[in-house]
Amino acid sequence: MTNEKIKRMFDAFYQAKRIRDMLPPLPQGVMPSYIQYLDVIHSLQKEKKISGFPISVMP
């Protein structure tokens, strides 16, 4: 890996952190991992690998 690629990678990490810091806070009781789970479920539904939404997301 060249120095230029390493620099570009760190720049991308920095930009991603800045973008994440600008997002509004999550609602009370919602963890960041929940968002990742919902994203995976949504992606699988779009690919028709699963149907419906058989689990409860919020208590």
C-alpha atoms as a PDB file:
ATOM      1  CA  MET A   1       0.000   0.000   0.000  1.00  0.00           C
ATOM      2  CA  THR A   2       1.442   3.331  -1.008  1.00  0.00           C
ATOM      3  CA  ASN A   3       1.644   6.419   1.168  1.00  0.00           C
ATOM      4  CA  GLU A   4      -0.902   8.124  -1.092  1.00  0.00           C
ATOM      5  CA  LYS A   5      -3.445   5.324  -0.595  1.00  0.00           C
ATOM      6  CA  ILE A   6      -2.924   5.416   3.166  1.00  0.00           C
ATOM      7  CA  LYS A   7      -3.454   9.184   3.183  1.00  0.00           C
ATOM      8  CA  ARG A   8      -6.654   8.831   1.110  1.00  0.00           C
ATOM      9  CA  MET A   9      -7.905   6.130   3.473  1.00  0.00           C
ATOM     10  CA  PHE A  10      -7.340   8.287   6.570  1.00  0.00           C
ATOM     11  CA  ASP A  11      -8.968  11.251   4.811  1.00  0.00           C
ATOM     12  CA  ALA A  12     -12.026   9.076   4.117  1.00  0.00           C
ATOM     13  CA  PHE A  13     -12.170   8.008   7.783  1.00  0.00           C
ATOM     14  CA  TYR A  14     -11.961  11.637   8.875  1.00  0.00           C
ATOM     15  CA  GLN A  15     -14.742  12.678   6.504  1.00  0.00           C
ATOM     16  CA  ALA A  16     -16.932   9.773   7.671  1.00  0.00           C
ATOM     17  CA  LYS A  17     -16.456  10.829  11.301  1.00  0.00           C
ATOM     18  CA  ARG A  18     -17.398  14.429  10.463  1.00  0.00           C
ATOM     19  CA  ILE A  19     -20.534  13.259   8.675  1.00  0.00           C
ATOM     20  CA  ARG A  20     -21.504  11.012  11.585  1.00  0.00           C
ATOM     21  CA  ASP A  21     -20.957  13.854  14.058  1.00  0.00           C
ATOM     22  CA  MET A  22     -23.403  16.023  12.080  1.00  0.00           C
ATOM     23  CA  LEU A  23     -26.236  13.482  12.347  1.00  0.00           C
ATOM     24  CA  PRO A  24     -28.955  14.139  14.924  1.00  0.00           C
ATOM     25  CA  PRO A  25     -28.868  12.038  18.083  1.00  0.00           C
ATOM     26  CA  LEU A  26     -30.720   8.732  18.028  1.00  0.00           C
ATOM     27  CA  PRO A  27     -34.013   8.516  19.918  1.00  0.00           C
ATOM     28  CA  GLN A  28     -33.834   7.338  23.523  1.00  0.00           C
ATOM     29  CA  GLY A  29     -33.457   3.574  23.712  1.00  0.00           C
ATOM     30  CA  VAL A  30     -32.165   3.155  20.151  1.00  0.00           C
ATOM     31  CA  MET A  31     -28.612   1.895  19.821  1.00  0.00           C
ATOM     32  CA  PRO A  32     -26.460   2.393  16.687  1.00  0.00           C
ATOM     33  CA  SER A  33     -26.416  -1.383  16.193  1.00  0.00           C
ATOM     34  CA  TYR A  34     -30.228  -1.335  15.757  1.00  0.00           C
ATOM     35  CA  ILE A  35     -29.791   0.863  12.705  1.00  0.00           C
ATOM     36  CA  GLN A  36     -27.357  -1.659  11.204  1.00  0.00           C
ATOM     37  CA  TYR A  37     -29.790  -4.528  11.850  1.00  0.00           C
ATOM     38  CA  LEU A  38     -32.625  -2.621  10.200  1.00  0.00           C
ATOM     39  CA  ASP A  39     -30.405  -1.832   7.209  1.00  0.00           C
ATOM     40  CA  VAL A  40     -29.573  -5.531   6.734  1.00  0.00           C
ATOM     41  CA  ILE A  41     -33.242  -6.515   7.041  1.00  0.00           C
ATOM     42  CA  HIS A  42     -34.208  -3.844   4.520  1.00  0.00           C
ATOM     43  CA  SER A  43     -31.509  -4.980   2.079  1.00  0.00           C
ATOM     44  CA  LEU A  44     -32.591  -8.616   2.358  1.00  0.00           C
ATOM     45  CA  GLN A  45     -36.222  -7.633   1.789  1.00  0.00           C
ATOM     46  CA  LYS A  46     -35.245  -5.707  -1.344  1.00  0.00           C
ATOM     47  CA  GLU A  47     -33.377  -8.781  -2.616  1.00  0.00           C
ATOM     48  CA  LYS A  48     -36.469 -10.902  -1.842  1.00  0.00           C
ATOM     49  CA  LYS A  49     -34.411 -13.157   0.469  1.00  0.00           C
ATOM     50  CA  ILE A  50     -36.851 -12.535   3.312  1.00  0.00           C
ATOM     51  CA  SER A  51     -40.417 -11.313   3.413  1.00  0.00           C
ATOM     52  CA  GLY A  52     -42.430  -9.448   5.961  1.00  0.00           C
ATOM     53  CA  PHE A  53     -41.042  -8.172   9.220  1.00  0.00           C
ATOM     54  CA  PRO A  54     -41.603 -10.932  11.778  1.00  0.00           C
ATOM     55  CA  ILE A  55     -39.744  -9.319  14.666  1.00  0.00           C
ATOM     56  CA  SER A  56     -40.602  -6.371  16.848  1.00  0.00           C
ATOM     57  CA  VAL A  57     -38.110  -3.529  16.566  1.00  0.00           C
ATOM     58  CA  MET A  58     -39.155  -1.377  19.492  1.00  0.00           C
ATOM     59  CA  PRO A  59     -40.269  -2.600  22.905  1.00  0.00           C
END
